Amino acid sequence: MSNSHWVVESALGETGDALSKPPPAEGSGPTPAISARIPVGRVPSRGIGLGFESTSGRSWFSGMVWIWVMSLVSVVMADNIQLQPMTNILSGSTNLNVGSYAIPCVTDWNGDGKKDLLIGYQTNSMIRVYTNAGTDAKPVFTTYYDLTADGTNKIQYPCGGCGAPAPWVCDYDGDGKRDLLVGDGAHGTVFFYRNTNTDANPKLVLNRQLKAGGTNLTVGIRATPYVCDWDGDGLTDLLCGDGDGYVTFFKNINTNTQAGQVPVYTNGVRIQAGGVDLNLGIRSMVRVFDWDGDGLKDLICSSDTGIYWCRNTNSNQQPILQAKAFLQVPSTNGQLVNITSSLSSSTRLRLDLVDWNNDGVMDLIYGNSSGNVFYNEGYNFRIRLTPQTNHTIALQWDSAPFLKYNVLAYDCLDGIPCPAVTNLPSEGKTTTWTNQMQGGQQFFRVQIVTNSP
């Protein structure tokens, strides 16, 4: 749990007194959260600034004492998102399927406050809309229709072979209404459809083909557009994947941000990772998100070979990306495997990122070449410690099915670990280990047992 800190909730003094937070003085407002970089277990403290008092009235602030930290909440400062096993997204009671080459985009298309699904697909080279009949936290899809523009004309981009139109929804012209960008699979171009009505009832009109450097923008083949502020200058840029596995950055130089203005792009430059042009194989697609919680935007990418994370090690204004690393998920045999290994059907993945279940952690959505759409729930590897009866402690952490864990104990932070328990089976999404409290200072670390496939 590096780069984490703990928030003290309750503790015990050396004399055995229970320690509790005093109520705030009248008019002083609530007691602020108490953050301290402290170990789990018996720790020295003079109590200064911790805001606790003895239940017996003892003035334990007067000198150095030892306190048992009995209840801690882990506040994760820099923890990579972990992924639960894959789940199929359903349409009704069956697996959602659009025929072939599903390219999903999650958005609230009809403005009802619930996430819907737009999916580009190869079978008819169109974009299908699945409206959410459930809730925002528990989407339910039962009906769909193909997206139209300029009246009743269906949006269609014949791609041939293994391509499909790639949708991305955003307020592209700054007028407060969601618009549509479509990447053309056959020619690598991108088109802007303006919403001329409302978010509750979008009406799309083909406005223009995007340009870069004054000429029509193209990435060769299989364009997958994504709008974000990549260089941190407050203007929305364009990142675009392509059929050859590269990702191109088109910088927006239009500083006129009034409603109705659209980005003006310079010629594209390829994104680099690990000091070279990022190449994901073929059919690349990207999203931007701070995957490890360090405050820096990272790149999450998909292709025919899997889903990757490129970590940003520099700044949000000048991202420097590490070489791509596979995102992994638990398999039924207890191994962490690449996402493509967990799929029984064909791959060629196209991704989107969204907090699908509204639990505050980003989740992974992706389609494959067989036309299915999948979901991997994200979770943070938080660890919590709570007191039990008979001088025992319960260590609890967020977990995933099929995995096993080691719990290591230390008498100091840089000490030699002593295995407290090994190969502890997961209990599902939460796993608990209970043990007798030991004398002296103790630190605990939980490790995922990573067996090689």
Protein backbone atom coordinates (compact mmCIF):
# COMPACT_ATOMS: atom_id res chain seq x y z
CA MET A 1 0.00 0.00 0.00
CA SER A 2 2.70 2.48 -0.91
CA ASN A 3 1.76 6.13 -1.19
CA SER A 4 -1.24 5.57 1.09
CA HIS A 5 -2.20 7.08 4.40
CA TRP A 6 -4.53 6.00 7.16
CA VAL A 7 -7.35 7.84 8.88
CA VAL A 8 -7.59 7.00 12.58
CA GLU A 9 -11.13 6.16 13.69
CA SER A 10 -10.54 4.65 17.14
CA ALA A 11 -7.67 3.51 19.34
CA LEU A 12 -6.69 2.14 22.76
CA GLY A 13 -4.25 3.74 25.19
CA GLU A 14 -1.48 1.82 26.90
CA THR A 15 -3.50 1.76 30.13
CA GLY A 16 -6.37 0.03 28.38
CA ASP A 17 -8.59 3.08 28.30
CA ALA A 18 -10.76 3.42 25.24
CA LEU A 19 -9.98 6.58 23.31
CA SER A 20 -12.68 8.50 21.52
CA LYS A 21 -12.98 11.73 19.58
CA PRO A 22 -14.32 14.56 21.77
CA PRO A 23 -17.42 16.34 20.47
CA PRO A 24 -16.72 19.63 18.72
CA ALA A 25 -17.03 22.78 20.80
CA GLU A 26 -20.18 24.77 20.26
CA GLY A 27 -19.92 26.82 17.11
CA SER A 28 -16.66 25.18 16.04
CA GLY A 29 -18.20 22.96 13.37
CA PRO A 30 -17.48 19.27 12.86
CA THR A 31 -14.21 17.68 13.95
CA PRO A 32 -11.97 17.52 10.86
CA ALA A 33 -10.72 14.23 9.46
CA ILE A 34 -7.53 13.10 11.14
CA SER A 35 -4.86 11.89 8.75
CA ALA A 36 -1.56 10.42 9.88
CA ARG A 37 1.08 8.22 8.29
CA ILE A 38 1.07 5.48 10.91
CA PRO A 39 1.39 1.70 10.94
CA VAL A 40 -1.26 -0.82 11.78
CA GLY A 41 -0.86 -1.94 15.38
CA ARG A 42 0.92 -0.52 18.43
CA VAL A 43 2.38 2.93 17.72
CA PRO A 44 3.90 5.74 19.82
CA SER A 45 2.02 9.00 20.02
CA ARG A 46 1.75 12.04 22.28
CA GLY A 47 -1.75 12.52 20.96
CA ILE A 48 -0.99 16.01 19.72
CA GLY A 49 -3.39 16.91 16.95
CA LEU A 50 -5.08 13.53 16.86
CA GLY A 51 -8.24 14.81 18.55
CA PHE A 52 -8.82 11.80 20.85
CA GLU A 53 -9.52 11.70 24.59
CA SER A 54 -9.62 8.92 27.18
CA THR A 55 -13.07 7.69 28.20
CA SER A 56 -11.92 7.77 31.85
CA GLY A 57 -10.94 11.41 31.62
CA ARG A 58 -7.21 10.65 31.84
CA SER A 59 -5.05 13.36 30.29
CA TRP A 60 -3.12 11.14 27.93
CA PHE A 61 -1.84 14.14 26.00
CA SER A 62 0.75 14.98 28.65
CA GLY A 63 3.47 12.55 27.62
CA MET A 64 4.56 9.88 25.19
CA VAL A 65 2.20 6.90 25.21
CA TRP A 66 1.68 3.81 23.12
CA ILE A 67 -1.69 3.40 21.46
CA TRP A 68 -3.17 0.43 19.72
CA VAL A 69 -4.68 1.55 16.45
CA MET A 70 -7.88 -0.44 16.43
CA SER A 71 -9.87 0.81 13.46
CA LEU A 72 -8.39 2.21 10.28
CA VAL A 73 -9.77 3.33 6.96
CA SER A 74 -7.43 3.01 4.01
CA VAL A 75 -7.38 6.13 1.85
CA VAL A 76 -5.81 4.98 -1.41
CA MET A 77 -3.52 7.68 -2.77
CA ALA A 78 -1.89 5.83 -5.67
CA ASP A 79 -3.34 2.41 -6.27
CA ASN A 80 -3.85 0.87 -9.70
CA ILE A 81 -7.42 -0.08 -10.47
CA GLN A 82 -7.87 -3.85 -10.33
CA LEU A 83 -10.42 -5.70 -12.47
CA GLN A 84 -13.04 -8.31 -11.64
CA PRO A 85 -13.67 -11.21 -14.07
CA MET A 86 -15.46 -10.47 -17.33
CA THR A 87 -19.27 -10.28 -17.54
CA ASN A 88 -21.42 -10.19 -20.68
CA ILE A 89 -23.67 -7.17 -21.12
CA LEU A 90 -27.18 -8.37 -21.81
CA SER A 91 -29.99 -7.35 -24.12
CA GLY A 92 -33.05 -8.67 -22.40
CA SER A 93 -32.09 -12.08 -21.02
CA THR A 94 -29.47 -12.94 -23.66
CA ASN A 95 -25.98 -11.71 -24.38
CA LEU A 96 -26.04 -8.47 -26.32
CA ASN A 97 -24.82 -9.05 -29.87
CA VAL A 98 -24.73 -6.72 -32.88
CA GLY A 99 -23.48 -9.27 -35.40
CA SER A 100 -19.80 -8.42 -35.74
CA TYR A 101 -17.13 -5.88 -34.74
CA ALA A 102 -18.83 -4.05 -31.86
CA ILE A 103 -17.40 -0.60 -31.03
CA PRO A 104 -19.18 0.69 -27.88
CA CYS A 105 -19.60 4.22 -26.56
CA VAL A 106 -21.39 4.71 -23.22
CA THR A 107 -23.36 7.95 -22.93
CA ASP A 108 -26.70 9.33 -21.78
CA TRP A 109 -28.07 9.65 -25.31
CA ASN A 110 -31.64 10.70 -24.48
CA GLY A 111 -30.91 13.00 -21.54
CA ASP A 112 -32.85 11.02 -18.92
CA GLY A 113 -29.92 10.76 -16.52
CA LYS A 114 -29.19 7.11 -17.30
CA LYS A 115 -26.31 5.67 -19.29
CA ASP A 116 -27.18 4.27 -22.72
CA LEU A 117 -25.07 2.37 -25.26
CA LEU A 118 -24.12 3.45 -28.77
CA ILE A 119 -22.45 0.64 -30.70
CA GLY A 120 -20.88 0.85 -34.12
CA TYR A 121 -21.08 -2.51 -35.85
CA GLN A 122 -19.87 -4.06 -39.08
CA THR A 123 -22.94 -6.10 -40.13
CA ASN A 124 -24.80 -3.07 -41.52
CA SER A 125 -21.96 -0.56 -41.01
CA MET A 126 -24.30 1.48 -38.80
CA ILE A 127 -24.53 2.73 -35.21
CA ARG A 128 -27.04 1.06 -32.94
CA VAL A 129 -28.56 2.81 -29.90
CA TYR A 130 -29.56 0.75 -26.85
CA THR A 131 -31.64 2.87 -24.47
CA ASN A 132 -31.47 2.08 -20.77
CA ALA A 133 -34.74 0.80 -19.28
CA GLY A 134 -33.17 0.23 -15.86
CA THR A 135 -31.34 2.68 -13.62
CA ASP A 136 -28.09 4.54 -14.06
CA ALA A 137 -26.38 2.20 -11.58
CA LYS A 138 -27.98 -0.96 -13.01
CA PRO A 139 -28.49 -0.52 -16.76
CA VAL A 140 -31.05 -2.74 -18.49
CA PHE A 141 -31.23 -2.94 -22.29
CA THR A 142 -34.23 -4.39 -24.11
CA THR A 143 -34.80 -2.23 -27.21
CA TYR A 144 -32.58 -0.63 -29.82
CA TYR A 145 -32.65 1.34 -33.06
CA ASP A 146 -30.13 2.46 -35.67
CA LEU A 147 -29.00 6.08 -35.47
CA THR A 148 -30.20 8.53 -38.14
CA ALA A 149 -29.13 11.98 -39.33
CA ASP A 150 -30.45 14.63 -41.72
CA GLY A 151 -33.99 13.45 -41.13
CA THR A 152 -34.47 9.72 -41.49
CA ASN A 153 -31.21 8.76 -43.20
CA LYS A 154 -29.39 6.08 -41.24
CA ILE A 155 -25.79 6.88 -40.43
CA GLN A 156 -23.87 4.33 -42.44
CA TYR A 157 -20.19 3.96 -43.29
CA PRO A 158 -19.58 0.82 -45.37
CA CYS A 159 -16.21 -0.49 -44.24
CA GLY A 160 -15.88 -3.92 -45.78
CA GLY A 161 -13.68 -6.56 -44.26
CA CYS A 162 -13.36 -6.16 -40.51
CA GLY A 163 -14.25 -2.51 -39.92
CA ALA A 164 -17.15 -0.63 -38.36
CA PRO A 165 -18.04 3.02 -37.71
CA ALA A 166 -16.60 4.21 -34.39
CA PRO A 167 -18.89 6.59 -32.41
CA TRP A 168 -17.82 9.17 -29.84
CA VAL A 169 -20.31 11.48 -28.11
CA CYS A 170 -19.34 14.91 -26.77
CA ASP A 171 -20.34 18.57 -26.97
CA TYR A 172 -18.06 19.17 -29.93
CA ASP A 173 -19.09 22.76 -30.77
CA GLY A 174 -19.50 24.07 -27.22
CA ASP A 175 -23.21 24.89 -27.47
CA GLY A 176 -24.13 22.79 -24.42
CA LYS A 177 -25.63 19.88 -26.38
CA ARG A 178 -24.11 16.48 -27.05
CA ASP A 179 -22.99 15.89 -30.62
CA LEU A 180 -21.58 12.86 -32.43
CA LEU A 181 -18.22 12.11 -34.01
CA VAL A 182 -17.93 9.05 -36.26
CA GLY A 183 -14.71 7.41 -37.32
CA ASP A 184 -14.84 5.88 -40.81
CA GLY A 185 -13.35 2.41 -40.98
CA ALA A 186 -12.69 2.35 -44.71
CA HIS A 187 -10.84 5.65 -45.13
CA GLY A 188 -9.60 6.63 -41.66
CA THR A 189 -11.55 9.90 -41.70
CA VAL A 190 -13.72 11.46 -38.98
CA PHE A 191 -17.10 13.18 -39.38
CA PHE A 192 -18.92 15.65 -37.11
CA TYR A 193 -22.70 15.41 -36.67
CA ARG A 194 -24.17 18.46 -34.91
CA ASN A 195 -27.15 18.08 -32.59
CA THR A 196 -29.62 20.75 -33.71
CA ASN A 197 -32.33 19.92 -31.19
CA THR A 198 -32.06 18.98 -27.50
CA ASP A 199 -30.24 16.40 -25.40
CA ALA A 200 -33.59 14.77 -24.60
CA ASN A 201 -34.36 14.36 -28.30
CA PRO A 202 -31.17 14.71 -30.36
CA LYS A 203 -31.51 15.48 -34.06
CA LEU A 204 -28.26 15.07 -35.94
CA VAL A 205 -27.14 16.93 -39.04
CA LEU A 206 -23.92 16.05 -40.85
CA ASN A 207 -21.82 19.17 -40.43
CA ARG A 208 -18.38 18.44 -41.81
CA GLN A 209 -15.47 16.11 -42.22
CA LEU A 210 -12.77 16.99 -39.71
CA LYS A 211 -9.66 18.72 -40.99
CA ALA A 212 -6.10 18.95 -39.70
CA GLY A 213 -3.53 21.41 -40.99
CA GLY A 214 -6.11 22.75 -43.43
CA THR A 215 -6.74 19.45 -45.23
CA ASN A 216 -9.07 16.52 -44.60
CA LEU A 217 -7.99 14.62 -41.50
CA THR A 218 -7.16 10.96 -42.03
CA VAL A 219 -5.30 8.25 -40.13
CA GLY A 220 -5.29 5.85 -43.08
CA ILE A 221 -7.90 3.29 -42.03
CA ARG A 222 -10.14 2.29 -39.08
CA ALA A 223 -10.37 5.73 -37.41
CA THR A 224 -11.48 5.64 -33.75
CA PRO A 225 -11.84 9.26 -32.51
CA TYR A 226 -11.69 10.41 -28.89
CA VAL A 227 -11.88 14.03 -27.70
CA CYS A 228 -9.94 15.20 -24.63
CA ASP A 229 -7.55 17.94 -23.48
CA TRP A 230 -4.36 15.95 -23.99
CA ASP A 231 -1.82 18.76 -23.41
CA GLY A 232 -3.59 20.51 -20.52
CA ASP A 233 -4.07 23.90 -22.22
CA GLY A 234 -7.83 23.99 -21.65
CA LEU A 235 -8.70 23.20 -25.28
CA THR A 236 -10.22 19.93 -26.49
CA ASP A 237 -7.83 17.96 -28.68
CA LEU A 238 -8.36 14.79 -30.69
CA LEU A 239 -6.71 11.41 -30.15
CA CYS A 240 -7.40 8.90 -32.90
CA GLY A 241 -6.54 5.23 -33.19
CA ASP A 242 -6.12 3.54 -36.55
CA GLY A 243 -5.99 0.21 -38.34
CA ASP A 244 -2.21 -0.05 -38.06
CA GLY A 245 -2.20 0.20 -34.26
CA TYR A 246 -0.90 3.75 -33.85
CA VAL A 247 -2.47 6.65 -31.94
CA THR A 248 -2.33 10.16 -33.41
CA PHE A 249 -2.60 13.43 -31.45
CA PHE A 250 -4.28 16.35 -33.22
CA LYS A 251 -3.74 19.56 -31.24
CA ASN A 252 -6.58 22.10 -31.08
CA ILE A 253 -5.35 25.68 -31.62
CA ASN A 254 -8.74 27.43 -31.75
CA THR A 255 -8.78 29.66 -28.66
CA ASN A 256 -12.25 31.00 -29.51
CA THR A 257 -14.37 28.96 -27.11
CA GLN A 258 -17.69 30.69 -27.78
CA ALA A 259 -20.73 28.50 -28.44
CA GLY A 260 -20.79 27.13 -31.97
CA GLN A 261 -17.01 27.12 -32.39
CA VAL A 262 -15.35 23.85 -33.32
CA PRO A 263 -11.72 22.80 -32.80
CA VAL A 264 -9.06 23.70 -35.34
CA TYR A 265 -6.37 21.02 -35.49
CA THR A 266 -2.73 21.09 -36.47
CA ASN A 267 -1.25 18.17 -38.38
CA GLY A 268 -1.22 15.04 -36.30
CA VAL A 269 1.76 13.56 -34.46
CA ARG A 270 1.97 10.01 -33.18
CA ILE A 271 1.75 9.39 -29.46
CA GLN A 272 4.89 7.85 -28.00
CA ALA A 273 5.24 5.35 -25.16
CA GLY A 274 8.52 4.05 -23.83
CA GLY A 275 10.35 6.53 -26.04
CA VAL A 276 9.03 5.18 -29.36
CA ASP A 277 5.83 5.51 -31.38
CA LEU A 278 3.12 3.63 -29.54
CA ASN A 279 2.00 0.64 -31.59
CA LEU A 280 -0.68 -1.65 -30.23
CA GLY A 281 -0.74 -4.17 -33.06
CA ILE A 282 -3.73 -3.35 -35.26
CA ARG A 283 -7.11 -1.63 -34.72
CA SER A 284 -6.10 0.70 -31.89
CA MET A 285 -8.53 2.65 -29.73
CA VAL A 286 -7.81 4.86 -26.71
CA ARG A 287 -9.30 6.54 -23.66
CA VAL A 288 -7.63 8.89 -21.17
CA PHE A 289 -7.94 8.32 -17.42
CA ASP A 290 -5.79 8.48 -14.27
CA TRP A 291 -5.60 4.71 -13.83
CA ASP A 292 -3.24 4.66 -10.84
CA GLY A 293 -4.66 7.63 -8.92
CA ASP A 294 -1.46 9.70 -8.93
CA GLY A 295 -3.13 12.78 -10.42
CA LEU A 296 -1.67 12.30 -13.91
CA LYS A 297 -3.68 11.34 -16.98
CA ASP A 298 -2.76 7.94 -18.38
CA LEU A 299 -3.65 6.22 -21.65
CA ILE A 300 -5.84 3.10 -21.69
CA CYS A 301 -5.72 1.37 -25.08
CA SER A 302 -7.25 -1.58 -26.89
CA SER A 303 -6.35 -3.50 -30.03
CA ASP A 304 -6.51 -6.96 -31.54
CA THR A 305 -4.01 -8.22 -28.95
CA GLY A 306 -5.56 -6.95 -25.72
CA ILE A 307 -6.15 -3.95 -23.48
CA TYR A 308 -3.22 -1.94 -22.20
CA TRP A 309 -2.24 0.78 -19.76
CA CYS A 310 0.42 3.38 -20.64
CA ARG A 311 1.36 5.17 -17.43
CA ASN A 312 2.14 8.89 -17.49
CA THR A 313 5.30 9.67 -15.50
CA ASN A 314 5.65 13.40 -16.19
CA SER A 315 2.78 15.93 -16.10
CA ASN A 316 -0.69 16.62 -17.44
CA GLN A 317 0.70 19.34 -19.70
CA GLN A 318 3.48 17.21 -21.19
CA PRO A 319 2.59 13.55 -20.72
CA ILE A 320 5.47 11.09 -20.98
CA LEU A 321 4.15 7.54 -21.25
CA GLN A 322 5.77 4.32 -20.19
CA ALA A 323 5.68 1.34 -22.54
CA LYS A 324 2.32 -0.39 -22.73
CA ALA A 325 1.46 -2.99 -20.08
CA PHE A 326 -1.39 -5.50 -20.27
CA LEU A 327 -4.42 -5.02 -18.05
CA GLN A 328 -5.08 -8.37 -16.40
CA VAL A 329 -8.11 -10.15 -14.95
CA PRO A 330 -8.55 -13.22 -12.71
CA SER A 331 -9.05 -16.55 -14.46
CA THR A 332 -10.89 -19.55 -13.03
CA ASN A 333 -7.59 -21.32 -12.26
CA GLY A 334 -6.47 -18.49 -9.97
CA GLN A 335 -4.11 -16.82 -12.39
CA LEU A 336 -4.00 -13.21 -13.53
CA VAL A 337 -4.22 -13.31 -17.32
CA ASN A 338 -4.49 -10.86 -20.18
CA ILE A 339 -8.07 -9.95 -21.02
CA THR A 340 -7.89 -11.66 -24.40
CA SER A 341 -7.08 -14.95 -22.63
CA SER A 342 -10.33 -14.71 -20.67
CA LEU A 343 -12.48 -14.53 -23.81
CA SER A 344 -13.77 -17.75 -25.32
CA SER A 345 -14.78 -15.99 -28.54
CA SER A 346 -12.79 -13.83 -30.94
CA THR A 347 -11.01 -10.70 -29.79
CA ARG A 348 -10.10 -7.52 -31.73
CA LEU A 349 -11.26 -5.44 -28.81
CA ARG A 350 -12.61 -1.86 -28.84
CA LEU A 351 -12.93 -0.25 -25.44
CA ASP A 352 -14.68 2.46 -23.47
CA LEU A 353 -14.29 3.55 -19.84
CA VAL A 354 -17.19 4.37 -17.53
CA ASP A 355 -18.23 3.92 -13.91
CA TRP A 356 -20.84 1.35 -14.96
CA ASN A 357 -22.28 0.62 -11.50
CA ASN A 358 -21.76 4.09 -9.96
CA ASP A 359 -19.51 2.83 -7.14
CA GLY A 360 -16.91 5.55 -7.70
CA VAL A 361 -14.38 3.30 -9.47
CA MET A 362 -13.84 3.27 -13.23
CA ASP A 363 -14.93 0.13 -15.07
CA LEU A 364 -13.98 -1.32 -18.44
CA ILE A 365 -16.41 -1.83 -21.34
CA TYR A 366 -15.35 -3.40 -24.64
CA GLY A 367 -16.74 -5.01 -27.77
CA ASN A 368 -15.17 -7.76 -29.85
CA SER A 369 -15.20 -8.98 -33.43
CA SER A 370 -18.05 -11.42 -32.72
CA GLY A 371 -20.35 -8.50 -31.90
CA ASN A 372 -20.56 -9.01 -28.13
CA VAL A 373 -20.01 -6.34 -25.48
CA PHE A 374 -18.33 -7.13 -22.15
CA TYR A 375 -17.83 -5.50 -18.78
CA ASN A 376 -15.05 -5.78 -16.19
CA GLU A 377 -15.88 -4.11 -12.89
CA GLY A 378 -13.02 -2.07 -11.46
CA TYR A 379 -12.08 -2.00 -7.79
CA ASN A 380 -9.37 -0.52 -5.57
CA PHE A 381 -7.27 -2.80 -3.41
CA ARG A 382 -8.31 -1.14 -0.13
CA ILE A 383 -7.36 -2.72 3.19
CA ARG A 384 -9.28 -2.18 6.45
CA LEU A 385 -8.47 -3.25 10.01
CA THR A 386 -11.14 -3.68 12.70
CA PRO A 387 -10.97 -5.00 16.29
CA GLN A 388 -12.67 -8.24 17.26
CA THR A 389 -13.31 -9.90 20.63
CA ASN A 390 -10.59 -11.71 22.62
CA HIS A 391 -7.77 -9.45 21.39
CA THR A 392 -8.13 -10.43 17.75
CA ILE A 393 -8.02 -8.27 14.67
CA ALA A 394 -9.77 -8.66 11.34
CA LEU A 395 -7.93 -7.57 8.22
CA GLN A 396 -10.34 -7.09 5.31
CA TRP A 397 -9.62 -6.11 1.71
CA ASP A 398 -11.44 -5.71 -1.58
CA SER A 399 -10.76 -8.79 -3.68
CA ALA A 400 -11.78 -10.72 -6.77
CA PRO A 401 -13.04 -14.30 -7.24
CA PHE A 402 -10.58 -17.12 -8.04
CA LEU A 403 -7.51 -15.36 -6.60
CA LYS A 404 -5.39 -16.27 -3.58
CA TYR A 405 -3.59 -13.95 -1.17
CA ASN A 406 -0.59 -13.86 1.15
CA VAL A 407 -0.68 -11.77 4.34
CA LEU A 408 2.78 -10.66 5.48
CA ALA A 409 3.58 -9.21 8.91
CA TYR A 410 6.48 -6.86 9.72
CA ASP A 411 7.83 -5.50 12.99
CA CYS A 412 9.03 -2.38 11.18
CA LEU A 413 8.45 -0.88 7.76
CA ASP A 414 11.84 -1.92 6.38
CA GLY A 415 11.97 -5.21 8.26
CA ILE A 416 11.96 -8.77 7.00
CA PRO A 417 8.41 -10.01 6.40
CA CYS A 418 7.03 -13.00 8.23
CA PRO A 419 4.23 -14.85 6.39
CA ALA A 420 1.13 -14.70 8.57
CA VAL A 421 -0.92 -16.72 6.10
CA THR A 422 -0.26 -17.92 2.54
CA ASN A 423 -2.52 -18.90 -0.35
CA LEU A 424 -5.62 -17.63 1.40
CA PRO A 425 -8.55 -18.24 -1.01
CA SER A 426 -10.63 -15.28 -2.11
CA GLU A 427 -14.09 -15.01 -0.56
CA GLY A 428 -15.42 -13.10 -3.56
CA LYS A 429 -15.41 -9.31 -3.77
CA THR A 430 -14.31 -9.00 -0.13
CA THR A 431 -11.88 -11.25 1.76
CA THR A 432 -11.24 -11.26 5.53
CA TRP A 433 -8.39 -12.68 7.62
CA THR A 434 -8.71 -12.81 11.42
CA ASN A 435 -5.79 -13.31 13.79
CA GLN A 436 -4.64 -12.77 17.37
CA MET A 437 -3.23 -9.31 18.05
CA GLN A 438 0.51 -9.52 18.74
CA GLY A 439 2.48 -7.42 21.20
CA GLY A 440 4.70 -4.68 19.90
CA GLN A 441 4.51 -2.79 16.66
CA GLN A 442 3.12 -4.57 13.59
CA PHE A 443 2.65 -3.78 9.93
CA PHE A 444 0.67 -5.89 7.49
CA ARG A 445 0.85 -6.28 3.74
CA VAL A 446 -1.55 -8.21 1.53
CA GLN A 447 -0.21 -9.67 -1.71
CA ILE A 448 -2.02 -11.23 -4.64
CA VAL A 449 -0.48 -14.63 -5.38
CA THR A 450 0.53 -14.29 -9.02
CA ASN A 451 1.07 -17.72 -10.49
CA SER A 452 2.33 -17.82 -14.05
CA PRO A 453 -0.16 -19.25 -16.60
